[in-house]
Amino acid sequence: FNISKRMEEKPKLEAENPKSAIYYLEVVWDCYSPGHQWTQYYRFGQPDDCNQARNDLWASLAQRTKYADTVKVSPPSAPLWTLRTPLQAASFWKESMTPFHAPPAADAPLPSTS
């Protein structure tokens, strides 16, 4: 990443398409990198304090913050399942699962073990 190039291109692009907070986080990360700091020290005689990059990150985060009075609350949707008491659940289970777990008829012969 080239922080100088990113900081130069930011003003013209921000008006057209605001960047995500990830973009500004990368700019801050790059600003604090040893390579960028060394370049700033070599060219200008002092390290970069990265104030502009941090301010841009905080502005981006603040721009996306929504307060409770500005958020639309959607109406509650229908529940995915019906809540039952233990007795209701037991009777429902017996009704729905009886064909699968039906006990053998009383007059049915027992299986032989021989």
N, C-alpha and C. Protein backbone atom coordinates (compact mmCIF):
# COMPACT_ATOMS: atom_id res chain seq x y z
N PHE A 1 0.83 -1.19 0.00
CA PHE A 1 0.00 0.00 0.00
C PHE A 1 0.86 1.24 0.00
N ASN A 2 0.44 2.20 -0.75
CA ASN A 2 1.16 3.46 -0.78
C ASN A 2 0.27 4.52 -0.14
N ILE A 3 0.58 4.92 1.09
CA ILE A 3 -0.26 5.84 1.85
C ILE A 3 -0.33 7.20 1.18
N SER A 4 0.76 7.66 0.63
CA SER A 4 0.77 8.98 0.01
C SER A 4 -0.19 9.02 -1.17
N LYS A 5 -0.15 7.97 -1.97
CA LYS A 5 -1.04 7.91 -3.13
C LYS A 5 -2.50 7.84 -2.69
N ARG A 6 -2.79 7.04 -1.65
CA ARG A 6 -4.16 6.92 -1.17
C ARG A 6 -4.67 8.23 -0.60
N MET A 7 -3.83 8.95 0.13
CA MET A 7 -4.27 10.21 0.72
C MET A 7 -4.48 11.27 -0.35
N GLU A 8 -3.73 11.19 -1.44
CA GLU A 8 -3.92 12.15 -2.52
C GLU A 8 -5.21 11.89 -3.29
N GLU A 9 -5.55 10.63 -3.50
CA GLU A 9 -6.74 10.32 -4.29
C GLU A 9 -8.03 10.37 -3.48
N LYS A 10 -7.95 10.44 -2.16
CA LYS A 10 -9.13 10.42 -1.31
C LYS A 10 -10.11 11.56 -1.57
N PRO A 11 -9.70 12.82 -1.63
CA PRO A 11 -10.68 13.90 -1.76
C PRO A 11 -11.53 13.82 -3.02
N LYS A 12 -10.96 13.46 -4.15
CA LYS A 12 -11.76 13.43 -5.37
C LYS A 12 -12.73 12.25 -5.39
N LEU A 13 -12.37 11.14 -4.75
CA LEU A 13 -13.24 9.96 -4.76
C LEU A 13 -14.30 10.03 -3.68
N GLU A 14 -14.04 10.71 -2.58
CA GLU A 14 -14.97 10.70 -1.46
C GLU A 14 -16.30 11.36 -1.82
N ALA A 15 -16.27 12.39 -2.65
CA ALA A 15 -17.51 13.06 -3.02
C ALA A 15 -18.38 12.14 -3.88
N GLU A 16 -17.76 11.35 -4.75
CA GLU A 16 -18.51 10.47 -5.63
C GLU A 16 -19.00 9.22 -4.91
N ASN A 17 -18.10 8.59 -4.18
CA ASN A 17 -18.40 7.31 -3.56
C ASN A 17 -17.70 7.24 -2.20
N PRO A 18 -18.45 7.37 -1.10
CA PRO A 18 -17.78 7.31 0.20
C PRO A 18 -17.17 5.93 0.42
N LYS A 19 -15.98 5.92 0.97
CA LYS A 19 -15.27 4.66 1.18
C LYS A 19 -15.80 3.96 2.43
N SER A 20 -15.55 2.69 2.51
CA SER A 20 -15.94 1.94 3.70
C SER A 20 -14.95 2.22 4.82
N ALA A 21 -15.34 1.85 6.01
CA ALA A 21 -14.46 2.04 7.16
C ALA A 21 -13.23 1.16 7.03
N ILE A 22 -13.34 0.04 6.34
CA ILE A 22 -12.20 -0.85 6.13
C ILE A 22 -11.12 -0.12 5.33
N TYR A 23 -11.52 0.64 4.34
CA TYR A 23 -10.56 1.41 3.54
C TYR A 23 -9.75 2.34 4.44
N TYR A 24 -10.45 3.10 5.30
CA TYR A 24 -9.76 4.05 6.17
C TYR A 24 -8.93 3.33 7.24
N LEU A 25 -9.38 2.16 7.68
CA LEU A 25 -8.59 1.37 8.61
C LEU A 25 -7.28 0.93 7.96
N GLU A 26 -7.36 0.54 6.69
CA GLU A 26 -6.13 0.18 5.97
C GLU A 26 -5.20 1.37 5.82
N VAL A 27 -5.77 2.54 5.58
CA VAL A 27 -4.94 3.75 5.46
C VAL A 27 -4.22 4.02 6.78
N VAL A 28 -4.93 3.90 7.90
CA VAL A 28 -4.30 4.12 9.21
C VAL A 28 -3.22 3.06 9.45
N TRP A 29 -3.54 1.81 9.12
CA TRP A 29 -2.56 0.72 9.29
C TRP A 29 -1.30 1.01 8.48
N ASP A 30 -1.49 1.42 7.23
CA ASP A 30 -0.35 1.73 6.37
C ASP A 30 0.43 2.93 6.89
N CYS A 31 -0.28 3.90 7.45
CA CYS A 31 0.38 5.10 7.95
C CYS A 31 1.34 4.76 9.09
N TYR A 32 0.95 3.82 9.94
CA TYR A 32 1.80 3.45 11.07
C TYR A 32 2.84 2.39 10.71
N SER A 33 2.86 1.94 9.48
CA SER A 33 3.82 0.91 9.10
C SER A 33 5.24 1.49 9.12
N PRO A 34 6.22 0.66 9.42
CA PRO A 34 7.60 1.15 9.46
C PRO A 34 8.06 1.72 8.12
N GLY A 35 7.62 1.12 7.03
CA GLY A 35 8.04 1.62 5.72
C GLY A 35 7.57 3.04 5.46
N HIS A 36 6.32 3.30 5.78
CA HIS A 36 5.78 4.65 5.57
C HIS A 36 6.47 5.65 6.51
N GLN A 37 6.65 5.25 7.77
CA GLN A 37 7.28 6.16 8.72
C GLN A 37 8.72 6.47 8.31
N TRP A 38 9.43 5.46 7.81
CA TRP A 38 10.80 5.67 7.38
C TRP A 38 10.84 6.62 6.18
N THR A 39 9.92 6.42 5.25
CA THR A 39 9.85 7.29 4.08
C THR A 39 9.58 8.73 4.49
N GLN A 40 8.65 8.93 5.40
CA GLN A 40 8.33 10.29 5.86
C GLN A 40 9.53 10.92 6.58
N TYR A 41 10.22 10.12 7.37
CA TYR A 41 11.38 10.64 8.07
C TYR A 41 12.51 10.98 7.09
N TYR A 42 12.69 10.14 6.09
CA TYR A 42 13.75 10.36 5.10
C TYR A 42 13.45 11.60 4.26
N ARG A 43 12.20 11.76 3.82
CA ARG A 43 11.83 12.87 2.94
C ARG A 43 11.68 14.20 3.68
N PHE A 44 11.02 14.16 4.85
CA PHE A 44 10.64 15.40 5.51
C PHE A 44 11.34 15.64 6.84
N GLY A 45 12.11 14.66 7.31
CA GLY A 45 12.87 14.85 8.53
C GLY A 45 12.10 14.56 9.81
N GLN A 46 10.88 14.12 9.71
CA GLN A 46 10.11 13.76 10.90
C GLN A 46 9.09 12.68 10.55
N PRO A 47 8.77 11.83 11.50
CA PRO A 47 7.79 10.78 11.21
C PRO A 47 6.38 11.36 11.08
N ASP A 48 5.52 10.64 10.42
CA ASP A 48 4.13 11.07 10.22
C ASP A 48 3.33 10.77 11.48
N ASP A 49 2.55 11.74 11.95
CA ASP A 49 1.74 11.50 13.15
C ASP A 49 0.40 10.83 12.80
N CYS A 50 0.06 10.72 11.54
CA CYS A 50 -1.12 10.01 11.04
C CYS A 50 -2.43 10.61 11.53
N ASN A 51 -2.43 11.89 11.90
CA ASN A 51 -3.65 12.53 12.37
C ASN A 51 -4.74 12.54 11.31
N GLN A 52 -4.38 12.87 10.07
CA GLN A 52 -5.37 12.94 9.01
C GLN A 52 -6.00 11.57 8.76
N ALA A 53 -5.18 10.53 8.74
CA ALA A 53 -5.70 9.19 8.51
C ALA A 53 -6.63 8.77 9.65
N ARG A 54 -6.25 9.05 10.89
CA ARG A 54 -7.12 8.69 12.03
C ARG A 54 -8.41 9.50 12.02
N ASN A 55 -8.33 10.79 11.68
CA ASN A 55 -9.54 11.62 11.62
C ASN A 55 -10.49 11.11 10.54
N ASP A 56 -9.93 10.70 9.41
CA ASP A 56 -10.78 10.15 8.34
C ASP A 56 -11.46 8.86 8.78
N LEU A 57 -10.73 8.02 9.53
CA LEU A 57 -11.32 6.78 10.03
C LEU A 57 -12.46 7.08 10.99
N TRP A 58 -12.23 7.99 11.95
CA TRP A 58 -13.28 8.32 12.91
C TRP A 58 -14.47 8.96 12.23
N ALA A 59 -14.23 9.81 11.23
CA ALA A 59 -15.34 10.43 10.50
C ALA A 59 -16.15 9.37 9.74
N SER A 60 -15.45 8.40 9.18
CA SER A 60 -16.14 7.33 8.47
C SER A 60 -17.00 6.50 9.43
N LEU A 61 -16.45 6.20 10.60
CA LEU A 61 -17.22 5.43 11.58
C LEU A 61 -18.40 6.23 12.11
N ALA A 62 -18.21 7.52 12.35
CA ALA A 62 -19.29 8.35 12.86
C ALA A 62 -20.39 8.53 11.82
N GLN A 63 -20.01 8.57 10.56
CA GLN A 63 -20.99 8.74 9.49
C GLN A 63 -21.93 7.55 9.41
N ARG A 64 -21.44 6.38 9.77
CA ARG A 64 -22.25 5.16 9.68
C ARG A 64 -22.96 4.82 10.98
N THR A 65 -22.82 5.65 11.99
CA THR A 65 -23.49 5.40 13.26
C THR A 65 -24.93 5.84 13.15
N LYS A 66 -25.82 4.97 13.57
CA LYS A 66 -27.25 5.30 13.54
C LYS A 66 -27.77 5.31 14.96
N TYR A 67 -28.54 6.31 15.27
CA TYR A 67 -29.12 6.43 16.59
C TYR A 67 -30.51 5.81 16.59
N ALA A 68 -31.01 5.48 17.76
CA ALA A 68 -32.28 4.75 17.89
C ALA A 68 -33.44 5.49 17.24
N ASP A 69 -33.45 6.83 17.29
CA ASP A 69 -34.58 7.56 16.72
C ASP A 69 -34.54 7.61 15.18
N THR A 70 -33.43 7.24 14.55
CA THR A 70 -33.35 7.28 13.09
C THR A 70 -33.49 5.90 12.45
N VAL A 71 -33.53 4.84 13.26
CA VAL A 71 -33.60 3.49 12.72
C VAL A 71 -35.05 3.06 12.61
N LYS A 72 -35.42 2.53 11.44
CA LYS A 72 -36.76 2.01 11.26
C LYS A 72 -36.87 0.66 11.96
N VAL A 73 -37.93 0.49 12.70
CA VAL A 73 -38.17 -0.78 13.38
C VAL A 73 -39.18 -1.56 12.56
N SER A 74 -38.79 -2.73 12.12
CA SER A 74 -39.71 -3.55 11.33
C SER A 74 -40.69 -4.25 12.25
N PRO A 75 -41.90 -4.50 11.75
CA PRO A 75 -42.88 -5.20 12.59
C PRO A 75 -42.41 -6.62 12.85
N PRO A 76 -42.79 -7.17 13.99
CA PRO A 76 -42.35 -8.53 14.31
C PRO A 76 -42.93 -9.53 13.32
N SER A 77 -42.13 -10.49 12.95
CA SER A 77 -42.58 -11.50 12.01
C SER A 77 -43.25 -12.64 12.77
N ALA A 78 -43.91 -13.50 12.01
CA ALA A 78 -44.58 -14.65 12.62
C ALA A 78 -43.52 -15.58 13.22
N PRO A 79 -43.83 -16.21 14.33
CA PRO A 79 -42.84 -17.12 14.92
C PRO A 79 -42.60 -18.33 14.03
N LEU A 80 -41.41 -18.88 14.13
CA LEU A 80 -41.06 -20.03 13.30
C LEU A 80 -41.69 -21.32 13.81
N TRP A 81 -41.98 -21.39 15.09
CA TRP A 81 -42.59 -22.59 15.66
C TRP A 81 -43.55 -22.18 16.76
N THR A 82 -44.39 -23.14 17.14
CA THR A 82 -45.38 -22.89 18.18
C THR A 82 -44.84 -23.39 19.51
N LEU A 83 -44.94 -22.56 20.52
CA LEU A 83 -44.51 -22.96 21.84
C LEU A 83 -45.63 -23.74 22.51
N ARG A 84 -45.30 -24.85 23.13
CA ARG A 84 -46.29 -25.70 23.76
C ARG A 84 -45.87 -25.99 25.20
N THR A 85 -46.88 -26.27 26.00
CA THR A 85 -46.61 -26.72 27.36
C THR A 85 -46.13 -28.17 27.27
N PRO A 86 -45.57 -28.72 28.33
CA PRO A 86 -45.14 -30.13 28.27
C PRO A 86 -46.28 -31.10 27.94
N LEU A 87 -47.46 -30.85 28.47
CA LEU A 87 -48.59 -31.73 28.17
C LEU A 87 -48.99 -31.62 26.69
N GLN A 88 -49.05 -30.40 26.17
CA GLN A 88 -49.38 -30.21 24.75
C GLN A 88 -48.32 -30.86 23.87
N ALA A 89 -47.06 -30.73 24.25
CA ALA A 89 -45.99 -31.31 23.46
C ALA A 89 -46.07 -32.83 23.47
N ALA A 90 -46.39 -33.43 24.62
CA ALA A 90 -46.50 -34.88 24.71
C ALA A 90 -47.64 -35.40 23.85
N SER A 91 -48.78 -34.73 23.90
CA SER A 91 -49.91 -35.20 23.09
C SER A 91 -49.62 -34.99 21.60
N PHE A 92 -48.99 -33.87 21.24
CA PHE A 92 -48.65 -33.65 19.83
C PHE A 92 -47.67 -34.71 19.34
N TRP A 93 -46.69 -35.03 20.18
CA TRP A 93 -45.70 -36.03 19.82
C TRP A 93 -46.37 -37.39 19.60
N LYS A 94 -47.26 -37.77 20.50
CA LYS A 94 -47.95 -39.04 20.36
C LYS A 94 -48.80 -39.09 19.10
N GLU A 95 -49.49 -37.99 18.82
CA GLU A 95 -50.35 -37.94 17.62
C GLU A 95 -49.53 -38.00 16.34
N SER A 96 -48.44 -37.28 16.30
CA SER A 96 -47.68 -37.21 15.05
C SER A 96 -46.73 -38.39 14.87
N MET A 97 -46.28 -39.01 15.93
CA MET A 97 -45.30 -40.08 15.83
C MET A 97 -45.87 -41.48 16.03
N THR A 98 -47.15 -41.63 16.30
CA THR A 98 -47.75 -42.94 16.54
C THR A 98 -47.57 -43.89 15.36
N PRO A 99 -47.76 -43.46 14.12
CA PRO A 99 -47.58 -44.42 13.03
C PRO A 99 -46.16 -44.99 12.97
N PHE A 100 -45.18 -44.23 13.41
CA PHE A 100 -43.80 -44.70 13.34
C PHE A 100 -43.43 -45.58 14.52
N HIS A 101 -44.03 -45.29 15.66
CA HIS A 101 -43.66 -46.00 16.88
C HIS A 101 -44.87 -46.70 17.50
N ALA A 102 -45.73 -47.23 16.68
CA ALA A 102 -46.93 -47.88 17.20
C ALA A 102 -46.54 -49.18 17.90
N PRO A 103 -47.10 -49.41 19.07
CA PRO A 103 -46.80 -50.67 19.74
C PRO A 103 -47.47 -51.82 18.98
N PRO A 104 -46.93 -53.02 19.05
CA PRO A 104 -47.56 -54.14 18.34
C PRO A 104 -48.95 -54.43 18.92
N ALA A 105 -49.80 -54.92 18.08
CA ALA A 105 -51.16 -55.25 18.51
C ALA A 105 -51.10 -56.34 19.57
N ALA A 106 -52.12 -56.37 20.42
CA ALA A 106 -52.14 -57.32 21.54
C ALA A 106 -52.23 -58.76 21.04
N ASP A 107 -52.91 -59.00 19.90
CA ASP A 107 -53.07 -60.36 19.41
C ASP A 107 -51.98 -60.75 18.41
N ALA A 108 -51.04 -59.93 18.18
CA ALA A 108 -49.98 -60.26 17.22
C ALA A 108 -49.03 -61.28 17.83
N PRO A 109 -48.58 -62.25 17.03
CA PRO A 109 -47.66 -63.27 17.58
C PRO A 109 -46.30 -62.65 17.87
N LEU A 110 -45.67 -63.14 18.90
CA LEU A 110 -44.33 -62.67 19.25
C LEU A 110 -43.33 -63.30 18.32
N PRO A 111 -42.26 -62.58 17.98
CA PRO A 111 -41.25 -63.16 17.09
C PRO A 111 -40.56 -64.34 17.78
N SER A 112 -40.31 -65.36 17.01
CA SER A 112 -39.66 -66.54 17.59
C SER A 112 -38.16 -66.31 17.65
N THR A 113 -37.53 -66.89 18.64
CA THR A 113 -36.11 -66.73 18.83
C THR A 113 -35.33 -67.94 18.36
N SER A 114 -36.01 -68.95 17.76
CA SER A 114 -35.30 -70.15 17.34
C SER A 114 -34.83 -70.09 15.93
